[in-house]
Amino acid sequence: MRDISLCTGPSQKKNTEFNCYSSEERLSIAHAAALVRDLLRQLDKIIRPGVNELDIDIFCENYIILRNGIPFLKESGLYGCSVLISRNHKAYHGVPENYFLKEGDIVTVDVVLTKDGWFGDGAETFEVGKCSADVSRLVRFSKQIIFDAVNFLERERNLDLLGDFIGRLCRENGFRVLEEGAGHGIGKELHEAPLIQYVTTGVPFILRTGMVFTLEPVITNWNGDLYYDENETALVHPGFFASQFEYTIAVNDGGLEILT
């Protein structure tokens, strides 16, 4: 099974060897996450019918650099673009194309950057103009499920239970979470332990103060298998849609904090 962190590969650490960052280090991660968050807020203002995906990529690159960040995907050579853009039935790891967005499209922009040596990682799905009621419901649900997941983890403190929780909510609402996807620890490296997959293994993984990780389930209205194109972009069946919101979460003494 491929996982969503294939662009750099998951950390070689076992899930039991995760980093617990100090409050000062978590503040540095928060600064990187804030740049991701601010960029995504700006994209919400400019993504409209007629905007070209390549122009979105250029805008993101300039935004990051002008604020003393580094667009990691491009600078590292992993991709020839600064952000990943997944449209409609592209589930994740879409490469920006010379495509003008159309009314009714949805587009997920995935931002990975570094600032002062710390990683920021986040994604949001944007509706282009007016979408159908069913598609809008999918996008709203895929955002709300992150907040539901955070509230669940505040109560349960066990990451391993998250897969069953998210899967149940999806089924109750007529959707599916892609089990190929995974969140991950983040900090000095983009992909650190733990690897957070949306399946429950039965092995408890208890949250500890200092952990920082991403939650990034990809939600779809397609019930079949994923397939992949020549760019390793994950796809659901044409005519169906996938939506993703990715937030970075810090475990503090007082509870969980959403950094993006």
Protein backbone atom coordinates (compact mmCIF):
# COMPACT_ATOMS: atom_id res chain seq x y z
CA MET A 1 0.00 0.00 0.00
CA ARG A 2 1.44 3.39 -0.97
CA ASP A 3 1.31 6.12 1.64
CA ILE A 4 0.74 9.83 1.20
CA SER A 5 4.25 10.66 2.37
CA LEU A 6 5.86 9.05 -0.67
CA CYS A 7 7.42 12.31 -1.85
CA THR A 8 10.21 12.03 0.71
CA GLY A 9 9.46 8.67 2.28
CA PRO A 10 8.42 8.10 5.86
CA SER A 11 10.90 8.54 8.67
CA GLN A 12 13.12 5.55 9.33
CA LYS A 13 12.26 5.83 13.01
CA LYS A 14 9.80 3.41 14.47
CA ASN A 15 6.55 4.83 15.81
CA THR A 16 7.93 4.42 19.32
CA GLU A 17 10.96 6.66 18.52
CA PHE A 18 9.13 9.94 17.92
CA ASN A 19 10.46 13.38 18.84
CA CYS A 20 9.11 15.34 21.78
CA TYR A 21 9.99 18.98 21.15
CA SER A 22 10.51 21.61 23.84
CA SER A 23 8.14 24.56 24.11
CA GLU A 24 10.75 26.77 22.40
CA GLU A 25 11.12 24.29 19.56
CA ARG A 26 7.35 24.01 19.19
CA LEU A 27 7.22 27.79 18.89
CA SER A 28 9.69 27.59 15.99
CA ILE A 29 7.53 24.95 14.30
CA ALA A 30 4.52 27.20 14.91
CA HIS A 31 6.25 30.05 13.05
CA ALA A 32 6.74 27.81 10.00
CA ALA A 33 3.15 26.59 10.29
CA ALA A 34 1.91 30.19 10.50
CA LEU A 35 3.51 30.97 7.14
CA VAL A 36 1.67 27.99 5.63
CA ARG A 37 -1.58 29.13 7.23
CA ASP A 38 -1.20 32.71 5.99
CA LEU A 39 -0.46 31.55 2.45
CA LEU A 40 -3.55 29.34 2.40
CA ARG A 41 -5.64 32.31 3.60
CA GLN A 42 -4.33 34.34 0.66
CA LEU A 43 -5.16 31.56 -1.79
CA ASP A 44 -8.75 31.64 -0.58
CA LYS A 45 -8.90 35.19 -1.97
CA ILE A 46 -7.39 34.49 -5.39
CA ILE A 47 -8.63 31.05 -6.45
CA ARG A 48 -11.42 31.82 -8.90
CA PRO A 49 -12.63 30.60 -12.30
CA GLY A 50 -10.08 31.55 -14.95
CA VAL A 51 -7.01 31.37 -12.68
CA ASN A 52 -4.25 29.15 -14.08
CA GLU A 53 -2.72 26.46 -11.85
CA LEU A 54 0.78 27.52 -12.94
CA ASP A 55 0.08 31.06 -11.75
CA ILE A 56 -1.03 29.69 -8.37
CA ASP A 57 2.30 27.89 -8.08
CA ILE A 58 4.24 31.06 -8.95
CA PHE A 59 2.22 33.09 -6.46
CA CYS A 60 2.96 30.57 -3.71
CA GLU A 61 6.68 30.48 -4.47
CA ASN A 62 6.96 34.27 -4.35
CA TYR A 63 4.85 34.52 -1.20
CA ILE A 64 7.06 32.05 0.66
CA ILE A 65 10.38 33.54 -0.49
CA LEU A 66 9.37 37.14 0.24
CA ARG A 67 8.65 36.08 3.85
CA ASN A 68 12.02 34.40 4.32
CA GLY A 69 10.76 30.86 3.81
CA ILE A 70 12.00 28.20 1.42
CA PRO A 71 9.58 26.35 -0.90
CA PHE A 72 10.88 22.92 0.00
CA LEU A 73 9.38 20.80 -2.78
CA LYS A 74 11.11 22.83 -5.49
CA GLU A 75 14.33 23.71 -3.68
CA SER A 76 14.91 20.08 -2.71
CA GLY A 77 14.43 18.89 -6.29
CA LEU A 78 11.58 16.57 -5.37
CA TYR A 79 9.32 18.43 -7.78
CA GLY A 80 9.67 21.15 -10.38
CA CYS A 81 6.95 23.13 -8.60
CA SER A 82 6.66 24.91 -5.27
CA VAL A 83 3.28 23.49 -4.24
CA LEU A 84 1.21 20.49 -5.21
CA ILE A 85 -2.18 21.10 -6.79
CA SER A 86 -4.76 18.31 -6.99
CA ARG A 87 -7.93 19.06 -8.95
CA ASN A 88 -11.27 17.26 -8.80
CA HIS A 89 -10.55 13.51 -9.06
CA LYS A 90 -6.84 13.94 -8.27
CA ALA A 91 -6.62 12.75 -4.68
CA TYR A 92 -3.14 13.96 -3.77
CA HIS A 93 0.34 14.82 -5.09
CA GLY A 94 -1.02 16.55 -8.18
CA VAL A 95 1.51 18.55 -10.21
CA PRO A 96 0.37 22.03 -11.35
CA GLU A 97 -0.70 22.07 -14.99
CA ASN A 98 -1.38 24.74 -17.62
CA TYR A 99 -5.04 24.58 -16.74
CA PHE A 100 -7.48 27.43 -16.19
CA LEU A 101 -9.79 26.65 -13.29
CA LYS A 102 -13.46 26.31 -14.15
CA GLU A 103 -16.66 26.97 -12.27
CA GLY A 104 -17.48 23.89 -10.19
CA ASP A 105 -13.91 22.60 -9.89
CA ILE A 106 -12.37 21.90 -6.52
CA VAL A 107 -8.62 22.23 -6.07
CA THR A 108 -6.39 21.15 -3.20
CA VAL A 109 -3.19 23.11 -2.67
CA ASP A 110 -0.55 21.34 -0.56
CA VAL A 111 2.17 23.63 0.82
CA VAL A 112 5.51 22.38 2.18
CA LEU A 113 8.12 24.91 3.28
CA THR A 114 10.91 25.54 5.72
CA LYS A 115 11.47 28.63 7.81
CA ASP A 116 14.57 29.06 9.95
CA GLY A 117 15.29 25.35 9.57
CA TRP A 118 11.84 24.12 10.65
CA PHE A 119 9.18 22.53 8.47
CA GLY A 120 5.66 23.73 7.80
CA ASP A 121 3.15 21.52 5.98
CA GLY A 122 -0.51 22.13 5.26
CA ALA A 123 -3.22 21.79 2.64
CA GLU A 124 -6.73 22.99 1.93
CA THR A 125 -9.34 22.26 -0.71
CA PHE A 126 -10.88 25.29 -2.37
CA GLU A 127 -14.17 25.47 -4.22
CA VAL A 128 -13.89 27.29 -7.55
CA GLY A 129 -16.93 29.48 -7.94
CA LYS A 130 -20.19 27.69 -7.24
CA CYS A 131 -19.93 23.93 -6.86
CA SER A 132 -22.73 21.40 -6.75
CA ALA A 133 -24.38 20.80 -3.38
CA ASP A 134 -22.87 17.29 -3.15
CA VAL A 135 -19.35 18.50 -3.86
CA SER A 136 -19.67 21.39 -1.40
CA ARG A 137 -20.83 18.93 1.26
CA LEU A 138 -17.75 16.78 0.64
CA VAL A 139 -15.43 19.77 1.03
CA ARG A 140 -17.14 20.97 4.20
CA PHE A 141 -17.08 17.48 5.68
CA SER A 142 -13.38 16.97 4.93
CA LYS A 143 -12.60 20.19 6.82
CA GLN A 144 -14.87 19.51 9.78
CA ILE A 145 -13.51 16.01 10.28
CA ILE A 146 -10.12 17.48 11.25
CA PHE A 147 -11.71 19.40 14.13
CA ASP A 148 -13.73 16.34 15.08
CA ALA A 149 -10.50 14.31 15.10
CA VAL A 150 -8.72 16.83 17.31
CA ASN A 151 -11.61 16.81 19.79
CA PHE A 152 -11.55 13.01 19.74
CA LEU A 153 -7.82 12.92 20.47
CA GLU A 154 -8.25 15.42 23.30
CA ARG A 155 -10.58 12.90 24.95
CA GLU A 156 -8.93 9.59 24.05
CA ARG A 157 -5.22 10.54 23.81
CA ASN A 158 -4.64 7.43 21.68
CA LEU A 159 -3.65 7.95 18.03
CA ASP A 160 -4.35 4.33 17.14
CA LEU A 161 -8.08 4.78 17.74
CA LEU A 162 -8.27 7.61 15.21
CA GLY A 163 -8.58 5.35 12.17
CA ASP A 164 -11.80 3.72 13.32
CA PHE A 165 -13.22 7.09 14.40
CA ILE A 166 -12.58 8.79 11.05
CA GLY A 167 -13.69 5.75 9.06
CA ARG A 168 -16.98 5.55 10.96
CA LEU A 169 -17.75 9.25 10.46
CA CYS A 170 -17.04 8.92 6.75
CA ARG A 171 -19.29 5.90 6.32
CA GLU A 172 -22.11 7.57 8.24
CA ASN A 173 -21.95 10.49 5.81
CA GLY A 174 -21.59 8.48 2.60
CA PHE A 175 -17.87 9.11 2.11
CA ARG A 176 -14.63 7.16 2.41
CA VAL A 177 -11.22 8.00 3.84
CA LEU A 178 -8.33 6.87 1.67
CA GLU A 179 -6.37 4.37 3.75
CA GLU A 180 -3.34 4.91 1.50
CA GLY A 181 -2.99 8.35 3.04
CA ALA A 182 -1.09 9.11 6.22
CA GLY A 183 -0.21 11.93 8.54
CA HIS A 184 3.22 12.14 10.13
CA GLY A 185 5.38 13.76 12.73
CA ILE A 186 7.01 17.03 11.66
CA GLY A 187 9.69 19.39 12.93
CA LYS A 188 13.33 19.35 11.91
CA GLU A 189 12.36 16.85 9.21
CA LEU A 190 9.30 16.87 7.01
CA HIS A 191 8.35 13.28 7.75
CA GLU A 192 9.13 12.07 11.23
CA ALA A 193 7.60 9.35 13.36
CA PRO A 194 4.84 8.59 14.01
CA LEU A 195 3.25 7.60 10.71
CA ILE A 196 -0.44 8.26 11.29
CA GLN A 197 -2.50 5.95 9.10
CA TYR A 198 -6.27 5.96 9.08
CA VAL A 199 -6.61 2.33 10.06
CA THR A 200 -6.68 1.03 13.62
CA THR A 201 -4.01 -1.57 14.43
CA GLY A 202 -4.95 -2.44 18.01
CA VAL A 203 -1.57 -1.21 19.29
CA PRO A 204 -2.11 1.86 21.53
CA PHE A 205 -0.12 4.99 20.69
CA ILE A 206 -0.55 7.50 23.51
CA LEU A 207 -0.02 11.21 22.93
CA ARG A 208 2.76 12.92 24.89
CA THR A 209 3.56 16.56 25.45
CA GLY A 210 6.00 17.79 22.83
CA MET A 211 4.73 15.73 19.93
CA VAL A 212 3.97 17.61 16.71
CA PHE A 213 2.21 15.87 13.83
CA THR A 214 -0.06 16.40 10.86
CA LEU A 215 -3.62 15.20 10.35
CA GLU A 216 -4.39 15.04 6.64
CA PRO A 217 -7.11 12.52 5.72
CA VAL A 218 -8.17 12.52 2.08
CA ILE A 219 -11.94 12.09 1.81
CA THR A 220 -13.70 10.94 -1.36
CA ASN A 221 -17.13 10.07 -2.69
CA TRP A 222 -15.59 7.25 -4.76
CA ASN A 223 -15.77 3.70 -3.39
CA GLY A 224 -13.29 2.04 -5.73
CA ASP A 225 -9.53 1.68 -5.77
CA LEU A 226 -7.02 4.45 -6.34
CA TYR A 227 -4.84 4.48 -9.40
CA TYR A 228 -1.74 6.53 -10.26
CA ASP A 229 -0.61 8.52 -13.27
CA GLU A 230 2.91 8.96 -14.67
CA ASN A 231 3.65 11.69 -12.08
CA GLU A 232 2.69 9.41 -9.16
CA THR A 233 -0.44 11.48 -8.62
CA ALA A 234 -3.13 9.45 -6.85
CA LEU A 235 -6.48 9.47 -8.65
CA VAL A 236 -10.03 8.42 -7.98
CA HIS A 237 -12.39 7.67 -10.88
CA PRO A 238 -13.12 10.66 -13.18
CA GLY A 239 -16.44 12.25 -12.30
CA PHE A 240 -15.83 11.69 -8.59
CA PHE A 241 -13.99 13.99 -6.21
CA ALA A 242 -11.41 13.97 -3.42
CA SER A 243 -10.95 16.66 -0.79
CA GLN A 244 -8.21 17.15 1.79
CA PHE A 245 -7.41 19.50 4.63
CA GLU A 246 -4.07 19.10 6.37
CA TYR A 247 -3.39 20.75 9.71
CA THR A 248 -0.34 20.57 11.97
CA ILE A 249 -1.11 19.70 15.59
CA ALA A 250 1.07 20.29 18.65
CA VAL A 251 0.61 18.46 21.95
CA ASN A 252 1.10 21.01 24.71
CA ASP A 253 0.74 20.72 28.49
CA GLY A 254 -2.71 22.28 28.23
CA GLY A 255 -3.96 20.13 25.37
CA LEU A 256 -3.80 19.98 21.58
CA GLU A 257 -3.17 23.09 19.50
CA ILE A 258 -3.84 23.49 15.78
CA LEU A 259 -0.84 25.38 14.38
CA THR A 260 -2.05 25.84 10.82
